Amino acid sequence: ASGYTYSSYCMGWFRQAPGKEREAVATIDS
């Protein structure tokens, strides 16, 4: 990540397979 200077935040990994909706896989906060 670049240009992201907030002290409080969420970051996450999402995935999308063909023909399926995007889904959250894992998240981590500050």
Full PDB file with SEQRES, HELIX, SHEET, SSBOND, CRYST1, ORIGX, SCALE, CONECT and MASTER records, all heavy atoms in Angstrom:
SEQRES   1 A   30  ALA SER GLY TYR THR TYR SER SER TYR CYS MET GLY TRP          
SEQRES   2 A   30  PHE ARG GLN ALA PRO GLY LYS GLU ARG GLU ALA VAL ALA          
SEQRES   3 A   30  THR ILE ASP SER                                              
SHEET    1 AA1 2 CYS A  10  ARG A  15  0                                        
SHEET    2 AA1 2 GLU A  23  ASP A  29 -1                                        
CRYST1    1.000    1.000    1.000  90.00  90.00  90.00 P 1           1          
ORIGX1      1.000000  0.000000  0.000000        0.00000                         
ORIGX2      0.000000  1.000000  0.000000        0.00000                         
ORIGX3      0.000000  0.000000  1.000000        0.00000                         
SCALE1      1.000000  0.000000  0.000000        0.00000                         
SCALE2      0.000000  1.000000  0.000000        0.00000                         
SCALE3      0.000000  0.000000  1.000000        0.00000                         
ATOM      1  N   ALA A   1       0.832  -1.192   0.000  1.00  0.00           N  
ATOM      2  CA  ALA A   1       0.000   0.000   0.000  1.00  0.00           C  
ATOM      3  C   ALA A   1       0.867   1.242   0.000  1.00  0.00           C  
ATOM      4  O   ALA A   1       1.905   1.296   0.655  1.00  0.00           O  
ATOM      5  CB  ALA A   1      -0.924   0.011   1.213  1.00  0.00           C  
ATOM      6  N   SER A   2       0.432   2.241  -0.723  1.00  0.00           N  
ATOM      7  CA  SER A   2       1.109   3.527  -0.734  1.00  0.00           C  
ATOM      8  C   SER A   2       0.080   4.640  -0.650  1.00  0.00           C  
ATOM      9  O   SER A   2      -1.070   4.471  -1.067  1.00  0.00           O  
ATOM     10  CB  SER A   2       1.972   3.688  -1.986  1.00  0.00           C  
ATOM     11  OG  SER A   2       1.168   3.658  -3.154  1.00  0.00           O  
ATOM     12  N   GLY A   3       0.492   5.773  -0.107  1.00  0.00           N  
ATOM     13  CA  GLY A   3      -0.394   6.915   0.003  1.00  0.00           C  
ATOM     14  C   GLY A   3      -1.488   6.754   1.042  1.00  0.00           C  
ATOM     15  O   GLY A   3      -2.493   7.471   0.990  1.00  0.00           O  
ATOM     16  N   TYR A   4      -1.310   5.821   1.987  1.00  0.00           N  
ATOM     17  CA  TYR A   4      -2.299   5.534   3.018  1.00  0.00           C  
ATOM     18  C   TYR A   4      -1.684   5.851   4.370  1.00  0.00           C  
ATOM     19  O   TYR A   4      -0.863   5.089   4.873  1.00  0.00           O  
ATOM     20  CB  TYR A   4      -2.733   4.076   2.943  1.00  0.00           C  
ATOM     21  CG  TYR A   4      -3.983   3.753   3.719  1.00  0.00           C  
ATOM     22  CD1 TYR A   4      -5.237   4.021   3.192  1.00  0.00           C  
ATOM     23  CD2 TYR A   4      -3.902   3.156   4.970  1.00  0.00           C  
ATOM     24  CE1 TYR A   4      -6.386   3.714   3.896  1.00  0.00           C  
ATOM     25  CE2 TYR A   4      -5.043   2.847   5.685  1.00  0.00           C  
ATOM     26  CZ  TYR A   4      -6.290   3.121   5.142  1.00  0.00           C  
ATOM     27  OH  TYR A   4      -7.428   2.809   5.839  1.00  0.00           O  
ATOM     28  N   THR A   5      -2.094   6.959   4.977  1.00  0.00           N  
ATOM     29  CA  THR A   5      -1.447   7.454   6.187  1.00  0.00           C  
ATOM     30  C   THR A   5      -2.345   7.452   7.412  1.00  0.00           C  
ATOM     31  O   THR A   5      -1.945   7.942   8.461  1.00  0.00           O  
ATOM     32  CB  THR A   5      -0.925   8.882   5.960  1.00  0.00           C  
ATOM     33  OG1 THR A   5      -2.012   9.748   5.608  1.00  0.00           O  
ATOM     34  CG2 THR A   5       0.116   8.897   4.847  1.00  0.00           C  
ATOM     35  N   TYR A   6      -3.533   6.894   7.330  1.00  0.00           N  
ATOM     36  CA  TYR A   6      -4.450   6.876   8.469  1.00  0.00           C  
ATOM     37  C   TYR A   6      -3.929   5.961   9.569  1.00  0.00           C  
ATOM     38  O   TYR A   6      -3.427   4.864   9.303  1.00  0.00           O  
ATOM     39  CB  TYR A   6      -5.843   6.429   8.027  1.00  0.00           C  
ATOM     40  CG  TYR A   6      -6.473   7.342   7.011  1.00  0.00           C  
ATOM     41  CD1 TYR A   6      -6.462   7.009   5.667  1.00  0.00           C  
ATOM     42  CD2 TYR A   6      -7.068   8.534   7.400  1.00  0.00           C  
ATOM     43  CE1 TYR A   6      -7.038   7.850   4.728  1.00  0.00           C  
ATOM     44  CE2 TYR A   6      -7.640   9.378   6.470  1.00  0.00           C  
ATOM     45  CZ  TYR A   6      -7.622   9.031   5.137  1.00  0.00           C  
ATOM     46  OH  TYR A   6      -8.195   9.859   4.206  1.00  0.00           O  
ATOM     47  N   SER A   7      -4.064   6.397  10.811  1.00  0.00           N  
ATOM     48  CA  SER A   7      -3.622   5.586  11.936  1.00  0.00           C  
ATOM     49  C   SER A   7      -4.617   4.483  12.274  1.00  0.00           C  
ATOM     50  O   SER A   7      -4.233   3.456  12.830  1.00  0.00           O  
ATOM     51  CB  SER A   7      -3.377   6.461  13.165  1.00  0.00           C  
ATOM     52  OG  SER A   7      -4.550   7.176  13.529  1.00  0.00           O  
ATOM     53  N   SER A   8      -5.879   4.688  11.964  1.00  0.00           N  
ATOM     54  CA  SER A   8      -6.913   3.674  12.152  1.00  0.00           C  
ATOM     55  C   SER A   8      -7.426   3.244  10.788  1.00  0.00           C  
ATOM     56  O   SER A   8      -7.775   4.091   9.965  1.00  0.00           O  
ATOM     57  CB  SER A   8      -8.063   4.212  13.003  1.00  0.00           C  
ATOM     58  OG  SER A   8      -7.617   4.574  14.300  1.00  0.00           O  
ATOM     59  N   TYR A   9      -7.488   1.934  10.561  1.00  0.00           N  
ATOM     60  CA  TYR A   9      -7.840   1.465   9.230  1.00  0.00           C  
ATOM     61  C   TYR A   9      -8.289   0.012   9.261  1.00  0.00           C  
ATOM     62  O   TYR A   9      -8.108  -0.697  10.243  1.00  0.00           O  
ATOM     63  CB  TYR A   9      -6.647   1.592   8.281  1.00  0.00           C  
ATOM     64  CG  TYR A   9      -5.426   0.835   8.753  1.00  0.00           C  
ATOM     65  CD1 TYR A   9      -5.278  -0.528   8.500  1.00  0.00           C  
ATOM     66  CD2 TYR A   9      -4.423   1.482   9.470  1.00  0.00           C  
ATOM     67  CE1 TYR A   9      -4.168  -1.216   8.954  1.00  0.00           C  
ATOM     68  CE2 TYR A   9      -3.315   0.796   9.920  1.00  0.00           C  
ATOM     69  CZ  TYR A   9      -3.191  -0.552   9.661  1.00  0.00           C  
ATOM     70  OH  TYR A   9      -2.089  -1.242  10.114  1.00  0.00           O  
ATOM     71  N   CYS A  10      -8.863  -0.402   8.149  1.00  0.00           N  
ATOM     72  CA  CYS A  10      -9.125  -1.799   7.865  1.00  0.00           C  
ATOM     73  C   CYS A  10      -8.411  -2.170   6.576  1.00  0.00           C  
ATOM     74  O   CYS A  10      -8.397  -1.384   5.620  1.00  0.00           O  
ATOM     75  CB  CYS A  10     -10.614  -2.070   7.670  1.00  0.00           C  
ATOM     76  SG  CYS A  10     -11.667  -1.780   9.096  1.00  0.00           S  
ATOM     77  N   MET A  11      -7.837  -3.348   6.540  1.00  0.00           N  
ATOM     78  CA  MET A  11      -7.338  -3.902   5.300  1.00  0.00           C  
ATOM     79  C   MET A  11      -7.882  -5.312   5.160  1.00  0.00           C  
ATOM     80  O   MET A  11      -8.058  -6.016   6.155  1.00  0.00           O  
ATOM     81  CB  MET A  11      -5.815  -3.902   5.242  1.00  0.00           C  
ATOM     82  CG  MET A  11      -5.231  -2.500   5.282  1.00  0.00           C  
ATOM     83  SD  MET A  11      -3.500  -2.420   4.775  1.00  0.00           S  
ATOM     84  CE  MET A  11      -3.668  -2.706   3.004  1.00  0.00           C  
ATOM     85  N   GLY A  12      -8.153  -5.701   3.939  1.00  0.00           N  
ATOM     86  CA  GLY A  12      -8.760  -7.000   3.743  1.00  0.00           C  
ATOM     87  C   GLY A  12      -8.365  -7.654   2.440  1.00  0.00           C  
ATOM     88  O   GLY A  12      -7.899  -6.995   1.506  1.00  0.00           O  
ATOM     89  N   TRP A  13      -8.548  -8.968   2.415  1.00  0.00           N  
ATOM     90  CA  TRP A  13      -8.417  -9.754   1.204  1.00  0.00           C  
ATOM     91  C   TRP A  13      -9.790 -10.261   0.806  1.00  0.00           C  
ATOM     92  O   TRP A  13     -10.521 -10.815   1.637  1.00  0.00           O  
ATOM     93  CB  TRP A  13      -7.465 -10.936   1.403  1.00  0.00           C  
ATOM     94  CG  TRP A  13      -6.027 -10.539   1.467  1.00  0.00           C  
ATOM     95  CD1 TRP A  13      -5.270 -10.336   2.574  1.00  0.00           C  
ATOM     96  CD2 TRP A  13      -5.162 -10.308   0.354  1.00  0.00           C  
ATOM     97  NE1 TRP A  13      -3.989  -9.988   2.236  1.00  0.00           N  
ATOM     98  CE2 TRP A  13      -3.895  -9.961   0.872  1.00  0.00           C  
ATOM     99  CE3 TRP A  13      -5.330 -10.357  -1.034  1.00  0.00           C  
ATOM    100  CZ2 TRP A  13      -2.803  -9.670   0.053  1.00  0.00           C  
ATOM    101  CZ3 TRP A  13      -4.249 -10.063  -1.849  1.00  0.00           C  
ATOM    102  CH2 TRP A  13      -3.008  -9.730  -1.300  1.00  0.00           C  
ATOM    103  N   PHE A  14     -10.119 -10.075  -0.455  1.00  0.00           N  
ATOM    104  CA  PHE A  14     -11.368 -10.535  -1.028  1.00  0.00           C  
ATOM    105  C   PHE A  14     -11.057 -11.418  -2.222  1.00  0.00           C  
ATOM    106  O   PHE A  14      -9.952 -11.373  -2.766  1.00  0.00           O  
ATOM    107  CB  PHE A  14     -12.236  -9.349  -1.458  1.00  0.00           C  
ATOM    108  CG  PHE A  14     -12.692  -8.471  -0.322  1.00  0.00           C  
ATOM    109  CD1 PHE A  14     -11.813  -7.593   0.292  1.00  0.00           C  
ATOM    110  CD2 PHE A  14     -14.000  -8.521   0.127  1.00  0.00           C  
ATOM    111  CE1 PHE A  14     -12.220  -6.784   1.336  1.00  0.00           C  
ATOM    112  CE2 PHE A  14     -14.425  -7.715   1.171  1.00  0.00           C  
ATOM    113  CZ  PHE A  14     -13.533  -6.850   1.777  1.00  0.00           C  
ATOM    114  N   ARG A  15     -12.023 -12.210  -2.630  1.00  0.00           N  
ATOM    115  CA  ARG A  15     -11.816 -13.034  -3.810  1.00  0.00           C  
ATOM    116  C   ARG A  15     -13.107 -13.151  -4.605  1.00  0.00           C  
ATOM    117  O   ARG A  15     -14.205 -13.023  -4.067  1.00  0.00           O  
ATOM    118  CB  ARG A  15     -11.296 -14.425  -3.441  1.00  0.00           C  
ATOM    119  CG  ARG A  15     -12.284 -15.297  -2.684  1.00  0.00           C  
ATOM    120  CD  ARG A  15     -11.609 -16.590  -2.242  1.00  0.00           C  
ATOM    121  NE  ARG A  15     -12.526 -17.470  -1.542  1.00  0.00           N  
ATOM    122  CZ  ARG A  15     -12.169 -18.596  -0.933  1.00  0.00           C  
ATOM    123  NH1 ARG A  15     -10.885 -18.982  -0.950  1.00  0.00           N  
ATOM    124  NH2 ARG A  15     -13.074 -19.341  -0.318  1.00  0.00           N  
ATOM    125  N   GLN A  16     -12.940 -13.399  -5.885  1.00  0.00           N  
ATOM    126  CA  GLN A  16     -14.081 -13.584  -6.758  1.00  0.00           C  
ATOM    127  C   GLN A  16     -13.747 -14.649  -7.797  1.00  0.00           C  
ATOM    128  O   GLN A  16     -12.783 -14.514  -8.549  1.00  0.00           O  
ATOM    129  CB  GLN A  16     -14.474 -12.284  -7.452  1.00  0.00           C  
ATOM    130  CG  GLN A  16     -15.751 -12.389  -8.264  1.00  0.00           C  
ATOM    131  CD  GLN A  16     -16.272 -11.043  -8.706  1.00  0.00           C  
ATOM    132  OE1 GLN A  16     -15.502 -10.091  -8.860  1.00  0.00           O  
ATOM    133  NE2 GLN A  16     -17.569 -10.953  -8.912  1.00  0.00           N  
ATOM    134  N   ALA A  17     -14.542 -15.701  -7.808  1.00  0.00           N  
ATOM    135  CA  ALA A  17     -14.409 -16.756  -8.792  1.00  0.00           C  
ATOM    136  C   ALA A  17     -15.367 -16.491  -9.946  1.00  0.00           C  
ATOM    137  O   ALA A  17     -16.375 -15.806  -9.779  1.00  0.00           O  
ATOM    138  CB  ALA A  17     -14.703 -18.109  -8.158  1.00  0.00           C  
ATOM    139  N   PRO A  18     -15.080 -17.023 -11.132  1.00  0.00           N  
ATOM    140  CA  PRO A  18     -15.971 -16.811 -12.273  1.00  0.00           C  
ATOM    141  C   PRO A  18     -17.403 -17.237 -11.959  1.00  0.00           C  
ATOM    142  O   PRO A  18     -17.642 -18.324 -11.444  1.00  0.00           O  
ATOM    143  CB  PRO A  18     -15.356 -17.686 -13.364  1.00  0.00           C  
ATOM    144  CG  PRO A  18     -13.911 -17.759 -13.005  1.00  0.00           C  
ATOM    145  CD  PRO A  18     -13.891 -17.806 -11.499  1.00  0.00           C  
ATOM    146  N   GLY A  19     -18.349 -16.360 -12.260  1.00  0.00           N  
ATOM    147  CA  GLY A  19     -19.753 -16.657 -12.040  1.00  0.00           C  
ATOM    148  C   GLY A  19     -20.221 -16.552 -10.608  1.00  0.00           C  
ATOM    149  O   GLY A  19     -21.377 -16.875 -10.318  1.00  0.00           O  
ATOM    150  N   LYS A  20     -19.351 -16.112  -9.709  1.00  0.00           N  
ATOM    151  CA  LYS A  20     -19.710 -15.991  -8.306  1.00  0.00           C  
ATOM    152  C   LYS A  20     -19.542 -14.561  -7.813  1.00  0.00           C  
ATOM    153  O   LYS A  20     -18.849 -13.760  -8.436  1.00  0.00           O  
ATOM    154  CB  LYS A  20     -18.863 -16.935  -7.449  1.00  0.00           C  
ATOM    155  CG  LYS A  20     -19.070 -18.409  -7.751  1.00  0.00           C  
ATOM    156  CD  LYS A  20     -18.273 -19.281  -6.807  1.00  0.00           C  
ATOM    157  CE  LYS A  20     -18.511 -20.755  -7.069  1.00  0.00           C  
ATOM    158  NZ  LYS A  20     -17.733 -21.608  -6.134  1.00  0.00           N  
ATOM    159  N   GLU A  21     -20.184 -14.259  -6.696  1.00  0.00           N  
ATOM    160  CA  GLU A  21     -20.069 -12.942  -6.087  1.00  0.00           C  
ATOM    161  C   GLU A  21     -18.730 -12.797  -5.381  1.00  0.00           C  
ATOM    162  O   GLU A  21     -18.128 -13.779  -4.928  1.00  0.00           O  
ATOM    163  CB  GLU A  21     -21.208 -12.709  -5.100  1.00  0.00           C  
ATOM    164  CG  GLU A  21     -22.599 -12.735  -5.709  1.00  0.00           C  
ATOM    165  CD  GLU A  21     -22.825 -11.582  -6.656  1.00  0.00           C  
ATOM    166  OE1 GLU A  21     -22.316 -10.475  -6.379  1.00  0.00           O  
ATOM    167  OE2 GLU A  21     -23.505 -11.778  -7.673  1.00  0.00           O  
ATOM    168  N   ARG A  22     -18.269 -11.560  -5.280  1.00  0.00           N  
ATOM    169  CA  ARG A  22     -17.067 -11.280  -4.520  1.00  0.00           C  
ATOM    170  C   ARG A  22     -17.341 -11.536  -3.040  1.00  0.00           C  
ATOM    171  O   ARG A  22     -18.406 -11.189  -2.525  1.00  0.00           O  
ATOM    172  CB  ARG A  22     -16.638  -9.826  -4.726  1.00  0.00           C  
ATOM    173  CG  ARG A  22     -15.332  -9.462  -4.051  1.00  0.00           C  
ATOM    174  CD  ARG A  22     -14.990  -8.010  -4.317  1.00  0.00           C  
ATOM    175  NE  ARG A  22     -15.965  -7.116  -3.721  1.00  0.00           N  
ATOM    176  CZ  ARG A  22     -16.119  -5.841  -4.070  1.00  0.00           C  
ATOM    177  NH1 ARG A  22     -15.369  -5.324  -5.030  1.00  0.00           N  
ATOM    178  NH2 ARG A  22     -17.029  -5.100  -3.465  1.00  0.00           N  
ATOM    179  N   GLU A  23     -16.392 -12.138  -2.347  1.00  0.00           N  
ATOM    180  CA  GLU A  23     -16.556 -12.434  -0.940  1.00  0.00           C  
ATOM    181  C   GLU A  23     -15.329 -12.016  -0.143  1.00  0.00           C  
ATOM    182  O   GLU A  23     -14.200 -12.069  -0.640  1.00  0.00           O  
ATOM    183  CB  GLU A  23     -16.826 -13.924  -0.713  1.00  0.00           C  
ATOM    184  CG  GLU A  23     -15.689 -14.829  -1.143  1.00  0.00           C  
ATOM    185  CD  GLU A  23     -15.923 -16.284  -0.795  1.00  0.00           C  
ATOM    186  OE1 GLU A  23     -16.752 -16.573   0.097  1.00  0.00           O  
ATOM    187  OE2 GLU A  23     -15.270 -17.151  -1.416  1.00  0.00           O  
ATOM    188  N   ALA A  24     -15.566 -11.602   1.086  1.00  0.00           N  
ATOM    189  CA  ALA A  24     -14.473 -11.285   1.992  1.00  0.00           C  
ATOM    190  C   ALA A  24     -13.815 -12.579   2.453  1.00  0.00           C  
ATOM    191  O   ALA A  24     -14.498 -13.531   2.826  1.00  0.00           O  
ATOM    192  CB  ALA A  24     -14.980 -10.488   3.194  1.00  0.00           C  
ATOM    193  N   VAL A  25     -12.498 -12.603   2.441  1.00  0.00           N  
ATOM    194  CA  VAL A  25     -11.727 -13.760   2.868  1.00  0.00           C  
ATOM    195  C   VAL A  25     -11.147 -13.552   4.260  1.00  0.00           C  
ATOM    196  O   VAL A  25     -11.290 -14.396   5.141  1.00  0.00           O  
ATOM    197  CB  VAL A  25     -10.600 -14.069   1.866  1.00  0.00           C  
ATOM    198  CG1 VAL A  25      -9.721 -15.212   2.367  1.00  0.00           C  
ATOM    199  CG2 VAL A  25     -11.184 -14.393   0.502  1.00  0.00           C  
ATOM    200  N   ALA A  26     -10.476 -12.424   4.458  1.00  0.00           N  
ATOM    201  CA  ALA A  26      -9.830 -12.129   5.730  1.00  0.00           C  
ATOM    202  C   ALA A  26      -9.615 -10.635   5.841  1.00  0.00           C  
ATOM    203  O   ALA A  26      -9.365  -9.962   4.836  1.00  0.00           O  
ATOM    204  CB  ALA A  26      -8.491 -12.861   5.851  1.00  0.00           C  
ATOM    205  N   THR A  27      -9.716 -10.107   7.054  1.00  0.00           N  
ATOM    206  CA  THR A  27      -9.476  -8.685   7.291  1.00  0.00           C  
ATOM    207  C   THR A  27      -8.603  -8.504   8.518  1.00  0.00           C  
ATOM    208  O   THR A  27      -8.544  -9.365   9.399  1.00  0.00           O  
ATOM    209  CB  THR A  27     -10.780  -7.895   7.481  1.00  0.00           C  
ATOM    210  OG1 THR A  27     -11.478  -8.364   8.639  1.00  0.00           O  
ATOM    211  CG2 THR A  27     -11.676  -8.031   6.259  1.00  0.00           C  
ATOM    212  N   ILE A  28      -7.939  -7.354   8.575  1.00  0.00           N  
ATOM    213  CA  ILE A  28      -7.115  -6.990   9.720  1.00  0.00           C  
ATOM    214  C   ILE A  28      -7.221  -5.490   9.915  1.00  0.00           C  
ATOM    215  O   ILE A  28      -7.280  -4.736   8.948  1.00  0.00           O  
ATOM    216  CB  ILE A  28      -5.650  -7.440   9.514  1.00  0.00           C  
ATOM    217  CG1 ILE A  28      -4.836  -7.254  10.795  1.00  0.00           C  
ATOM    218  CG2 ILE A  28      -5.010  -6.713   8.341  1.00  0.00           C  
ATOM    219  CD1 ILE A  28      -3.488  -7.970  10.751  1.00  0.00           C  
ATOM    220  N   ASP A  29      -7.266  -5.044  11.180  1.00  0.00           N  
ATOM    221  CA  ASP A  29      -7.367  -3.623  11.450  1.00  0.00           C  
ATOM    222  C   ASP A  29      -6.066  -3.090  12.028  1.00  0.00           C  
ATOM    223  O   ASP A  29      -5.077  -3.811  12.170  1.00  0.00           O  
ATOM    224  CB  ASP A  29      -8.574  -3.306  12.342  1.00  0.00           C  
ATOM    225  CG  ASP A  29      -8.437  -3.820  13.774  1.00  0.00           C  
ATOM    226  OD1 ASP A  29      -7.337  -4.225  14.188  1.00  0.00           O  
ATOM    227  OD2 ASP A  29      -9.465  -3.806  14.489  1.00  0.00           O  
ATOM    228  N   SER A  30      -6.070  -1.802  12.359  1.00  0.00           N  
ATOM    229  CA  SER A  30      -4.859  -1.152  12.841  1.00  0.00           C  
ATOM    230  C   SER A  30      -4.401  -1.673  14.199  1.00  0.00           C  
ATOM    231  O   SER A  30      -3.245  -1.439  14.574  1.00  0.00           O  
ATOM    232  CB  SER A  30      -5.060   0.362  12.898  1.00  0.00           C  
ATOM    233  OG  SER A  30      -6.288   0.702  13.518  1.00  0.00           O  
TER     234      SER A  30                                                      
MASTER        0    0    0    0    2    0    0    6  233    1    0    3          
END                                                                             
